Amino acid sequence: MRLTSRNPVRIDFSNTQRPAVSRWIVLLGQTGVGKSAAGNTILGRERFRSERSMDSVTRECSVAHATVSGRSVSVVDTPGFFDSQIDPGQVKKAIASSVHYSSPRPHAFLIVLRVDDRFTDQEQQFLQKIEIMFGQEMLKNTIILFTRGDHLEGESVEELIEENSKLRALVDQCGGRYHVFNNKDQSNREQVIDLLQKIDTMIEQRMEQCRKRQ
C-alpha cells in the first residue's frame, strides 16, 4: 500500500480505554536521537540495543514489555529516518507497521528529539512524513520526548522551545505536550512515572473530546 496524505495508516483512537493496567507506546525519531535508549529508560532495563552512533541500530520494529510501577508497559522501537544505510522505503514500511504491534492500537506516540540539537529543516521533513503516514489526528496522541536532559546546562526546556519558532509550532501541534529524559540515569524512575501520567492525561482528554462529539 502506498502511503499518501490521502491514504494514511488509519488508527481508531476513539475507543481507547482508560485502564491504568497497560500502555502501548510507539517511539518515532531520526537516527541518533536516543529512541532505543529512551525505550530502555521507560522499561527500566536494557531491552533495545543502543549505541552512540549516527548509524541506525534499529533496522526494523522491535517490541519489548515490562512492568512499570505495577502496570504493563509495551514499547515499540522503530528505525530512524534519514539513515543512508537503510532504504527509505523500508523505513517507511517498518514505521507504518508499528501500529500493528500495538494491539489493539498505540496509546501514545513519542516523537524523540535531542535537547542539544538544533531543530532543522530535516526534522521538519521527518515530521511531515510521519503526518503523511498516520494523518494529522496522530498529533493529538503524541508527546514530544526530549533526550539528553543532562545537556541543558542550566537552560530550561521551556526556554529552548521558546527560542525556536519551528520547535514551538511542533509542540503546539501536539497540544503543548512534551517531556524530558536523562537516559544516563535509568534509576530515576520518577521521570518515567511522570511520562506515564502525561500519557494518562492525554488519553482522558481524548476520551472527553470523543464523548462531547457523540
C-alpha atoms as a PDB file:
ATOM      1  CA  MET A   1       0.000   0.000   0.000  1.00  0.00           C
ATOM      2  CA  ARG A   2       1.309   3.421  -0.947  1.00  0.00           C
ATOM      3  CA  LEU A   3       1.167   5.914   1.913  1.00  0.00           C
ATOM      4  CA  THR A   4      -0.021   9.399   0.933  1.00  0.00           C
ATOM      5  CA  SER A   5      -1.731  12.300   2.671  1.00  0.00           C
ATOM      6  CA  ARG A   6      -4.980  10.947   1.219  1.00  0.00           C
ATOM      7  CA  ASN A   7      -4.243   7.383   2.232  1.00  0.00           C
ATOM      8  CA  PRO A   8      -2.580   7.383   5.673  1.00  0.00           C
ATOM      9  CA  VAL A   9      -2.440   4.449   8.079  1.00  0.00           C
ATOM     10  CA  ARG A  10      -5.835   4.500   9.779  1.00  0.00           C
ATOM     11  CA  ILE A  11      -5.846   4.276  13.575  1.00  0.00           C
ATOM     12  CA  ASP A  12      -9.075   4.381  15.575  1.00  0.00           C
ATOM     13  CA  PHE A  13      -8.313   6.231  18.814  1.00  0.00           C
ATOM     14  CA  SER A  14     -11.963   6.782  19.714  1.00  0.00           C
ATOM     15  CA  ASN A  15     -12.333   3.544  21.677  1.00  0.00           C
ATOM     16  CA  THR A  16      -9.118   3.756  23.698  1.00  0.00           C
ATOM     17  CA  GLN A  17      -9.882   2.559  27.214  1.00  0.00           C
ATOM     18  CA  ARG A  18      -8.582   4.238  30.328  1.00  0.00           C
ATOM     19  CA  PRO A  19      -7.415   1.257  32.431  1.00  0.00           C
ATOM     20  CA  ALA A  20      -4.256   2.023  34.349  1.00  0.00           C
ATOM     21  CA  VAL A  21      -3.013  -1.531  33.817  1.00  0.00           C
ATOM     22  CA  SER A  22      -1.441  -1.308  30.350  1.00  0.00           C
ATOM     23  CA  ARG A  23       0.058   1.140  27.892  1.00  0.00           C
ATOM     24  CA  TRP A  24       1.383   0.710  24.333  1.00  0.00           C
ATOM     25  CA  ILE A  25       3.935   3.350  23.318  1.00  0.00           C
ATOM     26  CA  VAL A  26       5.482   3.855  19.855  1.00  0.00           C
ATOM     27  CA  LEU A  27       8.849   5.649  19.593  1.00  0.00           C
ATOM     28  CA  LEU A  28       9.473   7.749  16.472  1.00  0.00           C
ATOM     29  CA  GLY A  29      12.504   9.810  15.510  1.00  0.00           C
ATOM     30  CA  GLN A  30      15.595  10.243  13.420  1.00  0.00           C
ATOM     31  CA  THR A  31      18.742   8.166  13.702  1.00  0.00           C
ATOM     32  CA  GLY A  32      20.907   9.042  16.696  1.00  0.00           C
ATOM     33  CA  VAL A  33      18.327  10.854  18.832  1.00  0.00           C
ATOM     34  CA  GLY A  34      18.218   8.160  21.526  1.00  0.00           C
ATOM     35  CA  LYS A  35      14.979   6.299  20.756  1.00  0.00           C
ATOM     36  CA  SER A  36      16.292   2.913  21.852  1.00  0.00           C
ATOM     37  CA  ALA A  37      17.870   4.380  24.991  1.00  0.00           C
ATOM     38  CA  ALA A  38      14.567   6.097  25.786  1.00  0.00           C
ATOM     39  CA  GLY A  39      12.782   2.764  25.390  1.00  0.00           C
ATOM     40  CA  ASN A  40      15.224   1.185  27.829  1.00  0.00           C
ATOM     41  CA  THR A  41      14.678   4.041  30.281  1.00  0.00           C
ATOM     42  CA  ILE A  42      10.898   3.592  30.140  1.00  0.00           C
ATOM     43  CA  LEU A  43      11.161  -0.166  30.688  1.00  0.00           C
ATOM     44  CA  GLY A  44      13.862   0.167  33.337  1.00  0.00           C
ATOM     45  CA  ARG A  45      16.142  -2.390  31.707  1.00  0.00           C
ATOM     46  CA  GLU A  46      18.225  -2.953  28.574  1.00  0.00           C
ATOM     47  CA  ARG A  47      15.696  -4.361  26.123  1.00  0.00           C
ATOM     48  CA  PHE A  48      16.715  -2.439  22.983  1.00  0.00           C
ATOM     49  CA  ARG A  49      20.198  -2.268  21.519  1.00  0.00           C
ATOM     50  CA  SER A  50      21.515   1.266  21.974  1.00  0.00           C
ATOM     51  CA  GLU A  51      24.797   2.778  20.782  1.00  0.00           C
ATOM     52  CA  ARG A  52      26.247   6.255  20.442  1.00  0.00           C
ATOM     53  CA  SER A  53      26.243   6.319  16.669  1.00  0.00           C
ATOM     54  CA  MET A  54      24.725   8.257  13.789  1.00  0.00           C
ATOM     55  CA  ASP A  55      24.036   4.938  12.029  1.00  0.00           C
ATOM     56  CA  SER A  56      20.723   3.353  12.911  1.00  0.00           C
ATOM     57  CA  VAL A  57      20.997   0.486  15.398  1.00  0.00           C
ATOM     58  CA  THR A  58      17.315  -0.392  14.911  1.00  0.00           C
ATOM     59  CA  ARG A  59      16.670  -1.757  11.409  1.00  0.00           C
ATOM     60  CA  GLU A  60      13.086  -2.928  11.924  1.00  0.00           C
ATOM     61  CA  CYS A  61      10.358  -2.529  14.514  1.00  0.00           C
ATOM     62  CA  SER A  62      11.022  -4.323  17.777  1.00  0.00           C
ATOM     63  CA  VAL A  63       8.783  -4.679  20.823  1.00  0.00           C
ATOM     64  CA  ALA A  64       9.642  -5.082  24.493  1.00  0.00           C
ATOM     65  CA  HIS A  65       7.465  -5.339  27.593  1.00  0.00           C
ATOM     66  CA  ALA A  66       7.956  -4.663  31.293  1.00  0.00           C
ATOM     67  CA  THR A  67       6.023  -3.946  34.451  1.00  0.00           C
ATOM     68  CA  VAL A  68       6.460  -0.298  35.425  1.00  0.00           C
ATOM     69  CA  SER A  69       5.020   0.876  38.751  1.00  0.00           C
ATOM     70  CA  GLY A  70       2.636  -2.068  38.799  1.00  0.00           C
ATOM     71  CA  ARG A  71       1.344  -1.651  35.255  1.00  0.00           C
ATOM     72  CA  SER A  72       2.121  -3.395  31.986  1.00  0.00           C
ATOM     73  CA  VAL A  73       4.029  -1.168  29.555  1.00  0.00           C
ATOM     74  CA  SER A  74       4.909  -2.176  25.988  1.00  0.00           C
ATOM     75  CA  VAL A  75       7.290  -0.112  23.861  1.00  0.00           C
ATOM     76  CA  VAL A  76       7.666  -0.321  20.067  1.00  0.00           C
ATOM     77  CA  ASP A  77      11.072   0.889  18.833  1.00  0.00           C
ATOM     78  CA  THR A  78      11.182   1.939  15.167  1.00  0.00           C
ATOM     79  CA  PRO A  79      14.018   2.518  12.649  1.00  0.00           C
ATOM     80  CA  GLY A  80      15.471   6.008  12.369  1.00  0.00           C
ATOM     81  CA  PHE A  81      14.647   8.309   9.485  1.00  0.00           C
ATOM     82  CA  PHE A  82      17.304   9.582   7.057  1.00  0.00           C
ATOM     83  CA  ASP A  83      19.721   6.696   7.645  1.00  0.00           C
ATOM     84  CA  SER A  84      21.822   6.312   4.497  1.00  0.00           C
ATOM     85  CA  GLN A  85      22.350   2.599   5.205  1.00  0.00           C
ATOM     86  CA  ILE A  86      18.644   1.741   5.112  1.00  0.00           C
ATOM     87  CA  ASP A  87      16.365   2.063   2.103  1.00  0.00           C
ATOM     88  CA  PRO A  88      13.878   4.910   2.794  1.00  0.00           C
ATOM     89  CA  GLY A  89      11.010   2.774   1.515  1.00  0.00           C
ATOM     90  CA  GLN A  90      11.860   0.032   4.019  1.00  0.00           C
ATOM     91  CA  VAL A  91      12.000   2.574   6.845  1.00  0.00           C
ATOM     92  CA  LYS A  92       8.572   3.954   5.952  1.00  0.00           C
ATOM     93  CA  LYS A  93       7.093   0.463   5.683  1.00  0.00           C
ATOM     94  CA  ALA A  94       8.558  -0.582   9.042  1.00  0.00           C
ATOM     95  CA  ILE A  95       7.310   2.536  10.824  1.00  0.00           C
ATOM     96  CA  ALA A  96       3.860   2.235   9.253  1.00  0.00           C
ATOM     97  CA  SER A  97       3.707  -1.357  10.507  1.00  0.00           C
ATOM     98  CA  SER A  98       4.473  -0.260  14.078  1.00  0.00           C
ATOM     99  CA  VAL A  99       0.774   0.235  14.794  1.00  0.00           C
ATOM    100  CA  HIS A 100       0.151  -3.461  14.127  1.00  0.00           C
ATOM    101  CA  TYR A 101       2.485  -4.329  17.004  1.00  0.00           C
ATOM    102  CA  SER A 102       0.358  -2.185  19.336  1.00  0.00           C
ATOM    103  CA  SER A 103      -2.751  -4.240  19.996  1.00  0.00           C
ATOM    104  CA  PRO A 104      -5.412  -3.025  19.620  1.00  0.00           C
ATOM    105  CA  ARG A 105      -3.815   0.407  18.990  1.00  0.00           C
ATOM    106  CA  PRO A 106      -0.988   2.562  20.373  1.00  0.00           C
ATOM    107  CA  HIS A 107      -1.955   4.667  23.367  1.00  0.00           C
ATOM    108  CA  ALA A 108       0.748   7.216  22.575  1.00  0.00           C
ATOM    109  CA  PHE A 109       3.354   8.194  20.012  1.00  0.00           C
ATOM    110  CA  LEU A 110       6.563   9.714  21.349  1.00  0.00           C
ATOM    111  CA  ILE A 111       8.470  11.886  18.862  1.00  0.00           C
ATOM    112  CA  VAL A 112      12.030  11.736  20.165  1.00  0.00           C
ATOM    113  CA  LEU A 113      14.321  14.757  19.773  1.00  0.00           C
ATOM    114  CA  ARG A 114      17.708  15.542  21.301  1.00  0.00           C
ATOM    115  CA  VAL A 115      17.575  18.537  23.586  1.00  0.00           C
ATOM    116  CA  ASP A 116      21.083  19.591  22.495  1.00  0.00           C
ATOM    117  CA  ASP A 117      20.350  19.513  18.729  1.00  0.00           C
ATOM    118  CA  ARG A 118      19.022  22.372  16.635  1.00  0.00           C
ATOM    119  CA  PHE A 119      15.544  21.817  15.216  1.00  0.00           C
ATOM    120  CA  THR A 120      16.277  21.997  11.483  1.00  0.00           C
ATOM    121  CA  ASP A 121      14.542  21.539   8.129  1.00  0.00           C
ATOM    122  CA  GLN A 122      15.434  17.832   8.257  1.00  0.00           C
ATOM    123  CA  GLU A 123      13.458  17.379  11.463  1.00  0.00           C
ATOM    124  CA  GLN A 124      10.603  19.277   9.822  1.00  0.00           C
ATOM    125  CA  GLN A 125      10.723  16.878   6.836  1.00  0.00           C
ATOM    126  CA  PHE A 126      10.634  13.907   9.203  1.00  0.00           C
ATOM    127  CA  LEU A 127       7.517  15.220  10.911  1.00  0.00           C
ATOM    128  CA  GLN A 128       5.811  15.880   7.596  1.00  0.00           C
ATOM    129  CA  LYS A 129       6.486  12.277   6.562  1.00  0.00           C
ATOM    130  CA  ILE A 130       5.069  10.993   9.856  1.00  0.00           C
ATOM    131  CA  GLU A 131       1.929  13.073   9.336  1.00  0.00           C
ATOM    132  CA  ILE A 132       1.534  11.647   5.837  1.00  0.00           C
ATOM    133  CA  MET A 133       1.831   8.113   7.239  1.00  0.00           C
ATOM    134  CA  PHE A 134      -0.616   8.419  10.109  1.00  0.00           C
ATOM    135  CA  GLY A 135      -2.681  11.535   9.377  1.00  0.00           C
ATOM    136  CA  GLN A 136      -2.898  14.758  11.392  1.00  0.00           C
ATOM    137  CA  GLU A 137      -5.020  13.028  14.035  1.00  0.00           C
ATOM    138  CA  MET A 138      -1.923  11.248  15.335  1.00  0.00           C
ATOM    139  CA  LEU A 139      -0.504  14.537  16.680  1.00  0.00           C
ATOM    140  CA  LYS A 140      -3.417  14.617  19.144  1.00  0.00           C
ATOM    141  CA  ASN A 141      -1.974  11.391  20.533  1.00  0.00           C
ATOM    142  CA  THR A 142       1.655  12.492  20.553  1.00  0.00           C
ATOM    143  CA  ILE A 143       4.110  13.767  23.147  1.00  0.00           C
ATOM    144  CA  ILE A 144       7.482  15.307  22.267  1.00  0.00           C
ATOM    145  CA  LEU A 145      10.196  13.483  24.218  1.00  0.00           C
ATOM    146  CA  PHE A 146      13.489  15.343  24.585  1.00  0.00           C
ATOM    147  CA  THR A 147      16.503  13.165  25.380  1.00  0.00           C
ATOM    148  CA  ARG A 148      19.835  14.220  26.922  1.00  0.00           C
ATOM    149  CA  GLY A 149      18.159  16.295  29.593  1.00  0.00           C
ATOM    150  CA  ASP A 150      21.524  16.373  31.366  1.00  0.00           C
ATOM    151  CA  HIS A 151      22.825  18.580  28.499  1.00  0.00           C
ATOM    152  CA  LEU A 152      20.513  21.508  29.241  1.00  0.00           C
ATOM    153  CA  GLU A 153      23.341  23.206  31.172  1.00  0.00           C
ATOM    154  CA  GLY A 154      21.150  25.462  33.275  1.00  0.00           C
ATOM    155  CA  GLU A 155      18.746  26.375  30.457  1.00  0.00           C
ATOM    156  CA  SER A 156      15.165  25.216  30.888  1.00  0.00           C
ATOM    157  CA  VAL A 157      13.444  23.204  28.174  1.00  0.00           C
ATOM    158  CA  GLU A 158      10.757  25.898  28.105  1.00  0.00           C
ATOM    159  CA  GLU A 159      13.400  28.472  27.109  1.00  0.00           C
ATOM    160  CA  LEU A 160      14.680  26.099  24.442  1.00  0.00           C
ATOM    161  CA  ILE A 161      11.201  25.746  22.947  1.00  0.00           C
ATOM    162  CA  GLU A 162      10.529  29.493  23.012  1.00  0.00           C
ATOM    163  CA  GLU A 163      13.815  30.257  21.232  1.00  0.00           C
ATOM    164  CA  ASN A 164      12.912  28.127  18.179  1.00  0.00           C
ATOM    165  CA  SER A 165       9.699  29.054  16.369  1.00  0.00           C
ATOM    166  CA  LYS A 166       9.551  25.764  14.403  1.00  0.00           C
ATOM    167  CA  LEU A 167      10.002  23.700  17.542  1.00  0.00           C
ATOM    168  CA  ARG A 168       7.416  25.800  19.350  1.00  0.00           C
ATOM    169  CA  ALA A 169       4.970  25.234  16.490  1.00  0.00           C
ATOM    170  CA  LEU A 170       5.514  21.465  16.720  1.00  0.00           C
ATOM    171  CA  VAL A 171       4.915  21.429  20.472  1.00  0.00           C
ATOM    172  CA  ASP A 172       1.746  23.474  19.932  1.00  0.00           C
ATOM    173  CA  GLN A 173       0.572  20.963  17.295  1.00  0.00           C
ATOM    174  CA  CYS A 174       0.984  18.261  19.937  1.00  0.00           C
ATOM    175  CA  GLY A 175      -1.219  20.126  22.397  1.00  0.00           C
ATOM    176  CA  GLY A 176       1.731  21.614  24.280  1.00  0.00           C
ATOM    177  CA  ARG A 177       2.789  18.156  25.477  1.00  0.00           C
ATOM    178  CA  TYR A 178       6.481  17.446  25.999  1.00  0.00           C
ATOM    179  CA  HIS A 179       8.734  15.617  28.419  1.00  0.00           C
ATOM    180  CA  VAL A 180      12.461  15.436  29.168  1.00  0.00           C
ATOM    181  CA  PHE A 181      14.519  12.294  29.790  1.00  0.00           C
ATOM    182  CA  ASN A 182      18.010  11.787  31.113  1.00  0.00           C
ATOM    183  CA  ASN A 183      18.764   8.372  29.596  1.00  0.00           C
ATOM    184  CA  LYS A 184      22.039   8.198  31.524  1.00  0.00           C
ATOM    185  CA  ASP A 185      20.093   7.897  34.759  1.00  0.00           C
ATOM    186  CA  GLN A 186      17.764   4.935  34.272  1.00  0.00           C
ATOM    187  CA  SER A 187      17.492   4.610  38.052  1.00  0.00           C
ATOM    188  CA  ASN A 188      15.442   7.835  38.063  1.00  0.00           C
ATOM    189  CA  ARG A 189      12.015   6.238  37.808  1.00  0.00           C
ATOM    190  CA  GLU A 190      10.246   9.496  38.634  1.00  0.00           C
ATOM    191  CA  GLN A 191      10.875  10.758  35.085  1.00  0.00           C
ATOM    192  CA  VAL A 192       9.152   7.628  33.736  1.00  0.00           C
ATOM    193  CA  ILE A 193       6.207   7.837  36.136  1.00  0.00           C
ATOM    194  CA  ASP A 194       5.724  11.489  35.147  1.00  0.00           C
ATOM    195  CA  LEU A 195       5.698  10.499  31.457  1.00  0.00           C
ATOM    196  CA  LEU A 196       3.071   7.800  32.059  1.00  0.00           C
ATOM    197  CA  GLN A 197       0.940  10.327  33.936  1.00  0.00           C
ATOM    198  CA  LYS A 198       1.135  12.686  30.956  1.00  0.00           C
ATOM    199  CA  ILE A 199       0.031   9.839  28.689  1.00  0.00           C
ATOM    200  CA  ASP A 200      -2.890   9.102  31.042  1.00  0.00           C
ATOM    201  CA  THR A 201      -3.932  12.761  30.975  1.00  0.00           C
ATOM    202  CA  MET A 202      -3.701  12.853  27.176  1.00  0.00           C
ATOM    203  CA  ILE A 203      -5.917   9.757  26.897  1.00  0.00           C
ATOM    204  CA  GLU A 204      -8.503  11.175  29.300  1.00  0.00           C
ATOM    205  CA  GLN A 205      -8.638  14.423  27.329  1.00  0.00           C
ATOM    206  CA  ARG A 206      -9.063  12.471  24.098  1.00  0.00           C
ATOM    207  CA  MET A 207     -11.866  10.379  25.577  1.00  0.00           C
ATOM    208  CA  GLU A 208     -13.608  13.505  26.844  1.00  0.00           C
ATOM    209  CA  GLN A 209     -13.439  15.030  23.355  1.00  0.00           C
ATOM    210  CA  CYS A 210     -14.922  11.831  21.890  1.00  0.00           C
ATOM    211  CA  ARG A 211     -17.777  11.908  24.411  1.00  0.00           C
ATOM    212  CA  LYS A 212     -18.564  15.523  23.538  1.00  0.00           C
ATOM    213  CA  ARG A 213     -18.770  14.681  19.840  1.00  0.00           C
ATOM    214  CA  GLN A 214     -21.255  11.858  20.441  1.00  0.00           C
END
